[in-house]
N, C-alpha and C. Protein backbone atom coordinates (compact mmCIF):
# COMPACT_ATOMS: atom_id res chain seq x y z
N UNK A 1 39.08 31.81 -12.93
CA UNK A 1 38.29 32.29 -11.84
C UNK A 1 37.34 31.18 -11.40
N UNK A 2 37.30 30.91 -10.13
CA UNK A 2 36.41 29.87 -9.60
C UNK A 2 35.26 30.52 -8.87
N UNK A 3 34.14 29.88 -8.93
CA UNK A 3 32.96 30.36 -8.22
C UNK A 3 32.77 29.50 -6.97
N UNK A 4 32.55 30.13 -5.89
CA UNK A 4 32.35 29.40 -4.65
C UNK A 4 30.85 29.32 -4.36
N UNK A 5 30.39 28.15 -4.05
CA UNK A 5 28.99 27.96 -3.66
C UNK A 5 28.90 28.19 -2.16
N UNK A 6 27.97 29.01 -1.72
CA UNK A 6 27.82 29.23 -0.29
C UNK A 6 27.65 27.89 0.42
N UNK A 7 28.26 27.77 1.60
CA UNK A 7 28.26 26.52 2.36
C UNK A 7 26.84 26.03 2.64
N UNK A 8 25.94 26.95 2.99
CA UNK A 8 24.56 26.57 3.27
C UNK A 8 23.87 25.98 2.04
N UNK A 9 24.12 26.55 0.90
CA UNK A 9 23.51 26.06 -0.33
C UNK A 9 24.02 24.66 -0.67
N UNK A 10 25.30 24.43 -0.52
CA UNK A 10 25.85 23.11 -0.85
C UNK A 10 25.30 22.05 0.10
N UNK A 11 25.08 22.39 1.37
CA UNK A 11 24.49 21.43 2.30
C UNK A 11 23.04 21.14 1.91
N UNK A 12 22.33 22.16 1.47
CA UNK A 12 20.94 21.97 1.04
C UNK A 12 20.86 21.05 -0.17
N UNK A 13 21.79 21.22 -1.11
CA UNK A 13 21.82 20.38 -2.30
C UNK A 13 22.10 18.93 -1.92
N UNK A 14 23.01 18.72 -1.01
CA UNK A 14 23.33 17.36 -0.55
C UNK A 14 22.12 16.75 0.13
N UNK A 15 21.46 17.51 1.00
CA UNK A 15 20.28 17.01 1.71
C UNK A 15 19.17 16.64 0.74
N UNK A 16 18.91 17.49 -0.25
CA UNK A 16 17.86 17.19 -1.23
C UNK A 16 18.21 15.96 -2.06
N UNK A 17 19.48 15.80 -2.38
CA UNK A 17 19.91 14.64 -3.14
C UNK A 17 19.68 13.36 -2.34
N UNK A 18 20.04 13.38 -1.07
CA UNK A 18 19.85 12.21 -0.21
C UNK A 18 18.36 11.90 -0.05
N UNK A 19 17.55 12.92 0.21
CA UNK A 19 16.11 12.71 0.35
C UNK A 19 15.49 12.21 -0.95
N UNK A 20 15.92 12.76 -2.05
CA UNK A 20 15.39 12.33 -3.34
C UNK A 20 15.69 10.88 -3.64
N UNK A 21 16.86 10.41 -3.21
CA UNK A 21 17.22 9.01 -3.43
C UNK A 21 16.43 8.10 -2.50
N UNK A 22 16.09 8.56 -1.31
CA UNK A 22 15.40 7.73 -0.33
C UNK A 22 13.90 7.65 -0.59
N UNK A 23 13.29 8.67 -1.14
CA UNK A 23 11.84 8.70 -1.31
C UNK A 23 11.29 7.59 -2.21
N UNK A 24 11.88 7.32 -3.37
CA UNK A 24 11.32 6.23 -4.19
C UNK A 24 11.32 4.90 -3.48
N UNK A 25 12.36 4.61 -2.70
CA UNK A 25 12.41 3.34 -1.97
C UNK A 25 11.33 3.30 -0.91
N UNK A 26 11.10 4.41 -0.22
CA UNK A 26 10.06 4.44 0.80
C UNK A 26 8.68 4.30 0.18
N UNK A 27 8.48 4.87 -0.98
CA UNK A 27 7.18 4.80 -1.64
C UNK A 27 6.87 3.39 -2.11
N UNK A 28 7.89 2.59 -2.37
CA UNK A 28 7.68 1.24 -2.87
C UNK A 28 7.43 0.23 -1.76
N UNK A 29 7.77 0.54 -0.53
CA UNK A 29 7.61 -0.44 0.53
C UNK A 29 6.15 -0.57 0.90
N UNK A 30 5.72 -1.79 1.13
CA UNK A 30 4.36 -2.06 1.56
C UNK A 30 4.40 -3.34 2.40
N UNK A 31 3.46 -3.50 3.30
CA UNK A 31 3.46 -4.71 4.14
C UNK A 31 3.41 -5.98 3.29
N UNK A 32 4.16 -6.97 3.73
CA UNK A 32 4.20 -8.27 3.04
C UNK A 32 3.27 -9.21 3.79
N UNK A 33 2.10 -9.46 3.25
CA UNK A 33 1.05 -10.23 3.92
C UNK A 33 1.52 -11.58 4.47
N UNK A 34 2.28 -12.38 3.69
CA UNK A 34 2.66 -13.70 4.21
C UNK A 34 3.55 -13.66 5.46
N UNK A 35 4.12 -12.51 5.79
CA UNK A 35 4.97 -12.44 6.98
C UNK A 35 4.21 -11.91 8.20
N UNK A 36 2.95 -11.54 8.03
CA UNK A 36 2.15 -11.00 9.13
C UNK A 36 1.04 -11.96 9.51
N UNK A 37 0.62 -11.92 10.78
CA UNK A 37 -0.48 -12.78 11.22
C UNK A 37 -1.79 -12.28 10.63
N UNK A 38 -2.76 -13.15 10.58
CA UNK A 38 -4.07 -12.79 10.05
C UNK A 38 -4.67 -11.66 10.89
N UNK A 39 -4.57 -11.76 12.22
CA UNK A 39 -5.12 -10.72 13.09
C UNK A 39 -4.46 -9.37 12.84
N UNK A 40 -3.15 -9.38 12.60
CA UNK A 40 -2.46 -8.11 12.34
C UNK A 40 -2.88 -7.50 11.01
N UNK A 41 -3.05 -8.33 10.00
CA UNK A 41 -3.52 -7.84 8.70
C UNK A 41 -4.92 -7.25 8.82
N UNK A 42 -5.80 -7.95 9.53
CA UNK A 42 -7.17 -7.46 9.71
C UNK A 42 -7.17 -6.15 10.50
N UNK A 43 -6.32 -6.05 11.51
CA UNK A 43 -6.23 -4.82 12.31
C UNK A 43 -5.72 -3.66 11.46
N UNK A 44 -4.77 -3.94 10.56
CA UNK A 44 -4.25 -2.90 9.67
C UNK A 44 -5.38 -2.33 8.81
N UNK A 45 -6.18 -3.19 8.25
CA UNK A 45 -7.29 -2.73 7.42
C UNK A 45 -8.37 -2.04 8.25
N UNK A 46 -8.63 -2.54 9.43
CA UNK A 46 -9.62 -1.92 10.29
C UNK A 46 -9.18 -0.49 10.65
N UNK A 47 -7.90 -0.33 10.92
CA UNK A 47 -7.36 0.97 11.33
C UNK A 47 -7.30 1.96 10.16
N UNK A 48 -6.80 1.50 9.02
CA UNK A 48 -6.56 2.43 7.91
C UNK A 48 -7.69 2.48 6.89
N UNK A 49 -8.54 1.48 6.85
CA UNK A 49 -9.63 1.46 5.88
C UNK A 49 -9.26 0.86 4.54
N UNK A 50 -8.05 1.11 4.09
CA UNK A 50 -7.56 0.58 2.82
C UNK A 50 -6.05 0.48 2.88
N UNK A 51 -5.50 -0.52 2.20
CA UNK A 51 -4.05 -0.68 2.19
C UNK A 51 -3.63 -1.48 0.96
N UNK A 52 -2.46 -1.15 0.46
CA UNK A 52 -1.85 -1.94 -0.61
C UNK A 52 -0.88 -2.89 0.08
N UNK A 53 -1.07 -4.18 -0.16
CA UNK A 53 -0.25 -5.21 0.48
C UNK A 53 0.43 -6.06 -0.57
N UNK A 54 1.67 -6.42 -0.31
CA UNK A 54 2.34 -7.41 -1.14
C UNK A 54 1.77 -8.77 -0.76
N UNK A 55 1.38 -9.53 -1.76
CA UNK A 55 0.82 -10.86 -1.50
C UNK A 55 1.78 -11.97 -1.89
N UNK A 56 2.86 -11.61 -2.52
CA UNK A 56 3.90 -12.54 -2.93
C UNK A 56 5.12 -11.74 -3.32
N UNK A 57 6.19 -12.41 -3.73
CA UNK A 57 7.43 -11.70 -4.07
C UNK A 57 7.25 -10.64 -5.16
N UNK A 58 6.34 -10.86 -6.09
CA UNK A 58 6.14 -9.90 -7.19
C UNK A 58 4.68 -9.52 -7.40
N UNK A 59 3.84 -9.77 -6.38
CA UNK A 59 2.42 -9.47 -6.53
C UNK A 59 1.93 -8.59 -5.39
N UNK A 60 0.93 -7.80 -5.68
CA UNK A 60 0.33 -6.95 -4.66
C UNK A 60 -1.09 -6.62 -5.08
N UNK A 61 -1.86 -6.14 -4.12
CA UNK A 61 -3.23 -5.73 -4.41
C UNK A 61 -3.65 -4.71 -3.37
N UNK A 62 -4.72 -4.01 -3.67
CA UNK A 62 -5.28 -3.04 -2.73
C UNK A 62 -6.49 -3.68 -2.07
N UNK A 63 -6.51 -3.65 -0.76
CA UNK A 63 -7.59 -4.24 0.02
C UNK A 63 -8.29 -3.14 0.80
N UNK A 64 -9.60 -3.32 1.00
CA UNK A 64 -10.38 -2.31 1.70
C UNK A 64 -11.21 -2.95 2.81
N UNK A 65 -11.55 -2.12 3.79
CA UNK A 65 -12.39 -2.58 4.90
C UNK A 65 -13.83 -2.76 4.45
N UNK A 66 -14.31 -1.83 3.62
CA UNK A 66 -15.68 -1.90 3.12
C UNK A 66 -15.81 -1.03 1.87
N UNK A 67 -17.00 -1.00 1.30
CA UNK A 67 -17.24 -0.31 0.04
C UNK A 67 -17.02 1.19 0.06
N UNK A 68 -16.96 1.80 1.24
CA UNK A 68 -16.71 3.25 1.30
C UNK A 68 -15.33 3.62 0.76
N UNK A 69 -14.44 2.64 0.66
CA UNK A 69 -13.08 2.90 0.19
C UNK A 69 -12.90 2.54 -1.29
N UNK A 70 -14.00 2.27 -1.96
CA UNK A 70 -13.98 2.01 -3.40
C UNK A 70 -14.51 3.24 -4.14
N UNK A 71 -14.27 3.30 -5.43
CA UNK A 71 -14.82 4.34 -6.27
C UNK A 71 -16.33 4.12 -6.41
N UNK A 72 -17.05 5.16 -6.79
CA UNK A 72 -18.51 5.05 -6.89
C UNK A 72 -18.96 4.05 -7.95
N UNK A 73 -18.11 3.73 -8.92
CA UNK A 73 -18.46 2.78 -9.97
C UNK A 73 -18.01 1.36 -9.64
N UNK A 74 -17.49 1.16 -8.45
CA UNK A 74 -16.95 -0.15 -8.06
C UNK A 74 -17.81 -0.81 -6.98
N UNK A 75 -17.68 -2.12 -6.91
CA UNK A 75 -18.32 -2.91 -5.87
C UNK A 75 -17.23 -3.70 -5.15
N UNK A 76 -17.56 -4.22 -3.98
CA UNK A 76 -16.57 -5.00 -3.23
C UNK A 76 -16.66 -6.47 -3.60
N UNK A 77 -15.52 -7.13 -3.48
CA UNK A 77 -15.44 -8.57 -3.68
C UNK A 77 -14.61 -9.13 -2.53
N UNK A 78 -15.12 -10.14 -1.84
CA UNK A 78 -14.41 -10.72 -0.70
C UNK A 78 -13.00 -11.17 -1.10
N UNK A 79 -12.05 -10.99 -0.17
CA UNK A 79 -10.65 -11.31 -0.49
C UNK A 79 -9.99 -12.06 0.66
N UNK A 80 -9.23 -13.06 0.29
CA UNK A 80 -8.44 -13.83 1.24
C UNK A 80 -6.99 -13.76 0.81
N UNK A 81 -6.09 -13.73 1.80
CA UNK A 81 -4.65 -13.74 1.52
C UNK A 81 -3.97 -14.78 2.39
N UNK A 82 -2.76 -15.13 2.00
CA UNK A 82 -1.95 -16.02 2.83
C UNK A 82 -1.30 -15.16 3.91
N UNK A 83 -1.52 -15.53 5.17
CA UNK A 83 -0.88 -14.87 6.30
C UNK A 83 0.11 -15.85 6.92
N UNK A 84 0.91 -15.37 7.86
CA UNK A 84 1.91 -16.24 8.47
C UNK A 84 1.28 -17.39 9.26
N UNK A 85 0.07 -17.19 9.76
CA UNK A 85 -0.58 -18.22 10.58
C UNK A 85 -1.86 -18.80 9.97
N UNK A 86 -2.20 -18.35 8.77
CA UNK A 86 -3.44 -18.81 8.14
C UNK A 86 -3.32 -18.69 6.62
N UNK A 87 -3.35 -19.82 5.91
CA UNK A 87 -3.20 -19.74 4.45
C UNK A 87 -4.41 -19.12 3.75
N UNK A 88 -5.53 -19.03 4.45
CA UNK A 88 -6.76 -18.45 3.88
C UNK A 88 -7.35 -17.42 4.83
N UNK A 89 -6.61 -16.35 5.03
CA UNK A 89 -7.02 -15.29 5.95
C UNK A 89 -7.99 -14.34 5.24
N UNK A 90 -9.21 -14.22 5.79
CA UNK A 90 -10.15 -13.24 5.23
C UNK A 90 -9.66 -11.85 5.63
N UNK A 91 -9.22 -11.08 4.65
CA UNK A 91 -8.62 -9.77 4.91
C UNK A 91 -9.64 -8.64 4.81
N UNK A 92 -10.66 -8.85 4.03
CA UNK A 92 -11.64 -7.80 3.77
C UNK A 92 -12.09 -7.92 2.33
N UNK A 93 -11.89 -6.86 1.56
CA UNK A 93 -12.41 -6.83 0.20
C UNK A 93 -11.43 -6.17 -0.76
N UNK A 94 -11.64 -6.43 -2.04
CA UNK A 94 -10.99 -5.66 -3.10
C UNK A 94 -12.10 -4.92 -3.82
N UNK A 95 -11.75 -3.89 -4.52
CA UNK A 95 -12.72 -3.13 -5.30
C UNK A 95 -12.62 -3.57 -6.75
N UNK A 96 -13.76 -3.73 -7.38
CA UNK A 96 -13.76 -4.08 -8.81
C UNK A 96 -14.87 -3.30 -9.49
N UNK A 97 -14.68 -3.06 -10.76
CA UNK A 97 -15.70 -2.36 -11.54
C UNK A 97 -16.99 -3.17 -11.53
N UNK A 98 -18.09 -2.50 -11.33
CA UNK A 98 -19.39 -3.16 -11.28
C UNK A 98 -19.77 -3.66 -12.67
N UNK A 99 -20.24 -4.88 -12.75
CA UNK A 99 -20.79 -5.42 -13.98
C UNK A 99 -22.23 -4.93 -14.10
N UNK A 100 -22.80 -5.11 -15.25
CA UNK A 100 -24.20 -4.71 -15.40
C UNK A 100 -25.10 -5.52 -14.45
N UNK A 101 -24.66 -6.73 -14.11
CA UNK A 101 -25.45 -7.58 -13.20
C UNK A 101 -25.31 -7.14 -11.74
N UNK A 102 -24.30 -6.32 -11.44
CA UNK A 102 -24.03 -5.89 -10.08
C UNK A 102 -24.73 -4.57 -9.74
N UNK A 103 -25.94 -4.40 -10.21
CA UNK A 103 -26.64 -3.13 -9.96
C UNK A 103 -27.02 -3.04 -8.49
N UNK A 104 -27.01 -1.82 -8.01
CA UNK A 104 -27.30 -1.59 -6.60
C UNK A 104 -28.75 -1.72 -6.43
């Protein structure tokens, strides 16, 4: 005796399988700083406030527009990245844990 899966259910399973395979790849993609102009990188941060950018083939970091995008225990540190038109593009800041010397 064979069991038949309703046609709608089998299409739903296929759709979920395809979406499930695509989501991890989409979650891993992030802008590659060296391929973008400095102005475009700065505009990205200005627009979104914070972004994770690839800075090299196997490196990445989170950059922020200002301290509002850091945790309450963190302070900002100026950050520069290599852009397509500027090897020392001021992108904004990174967040780092405050040292005892970094008191507000």
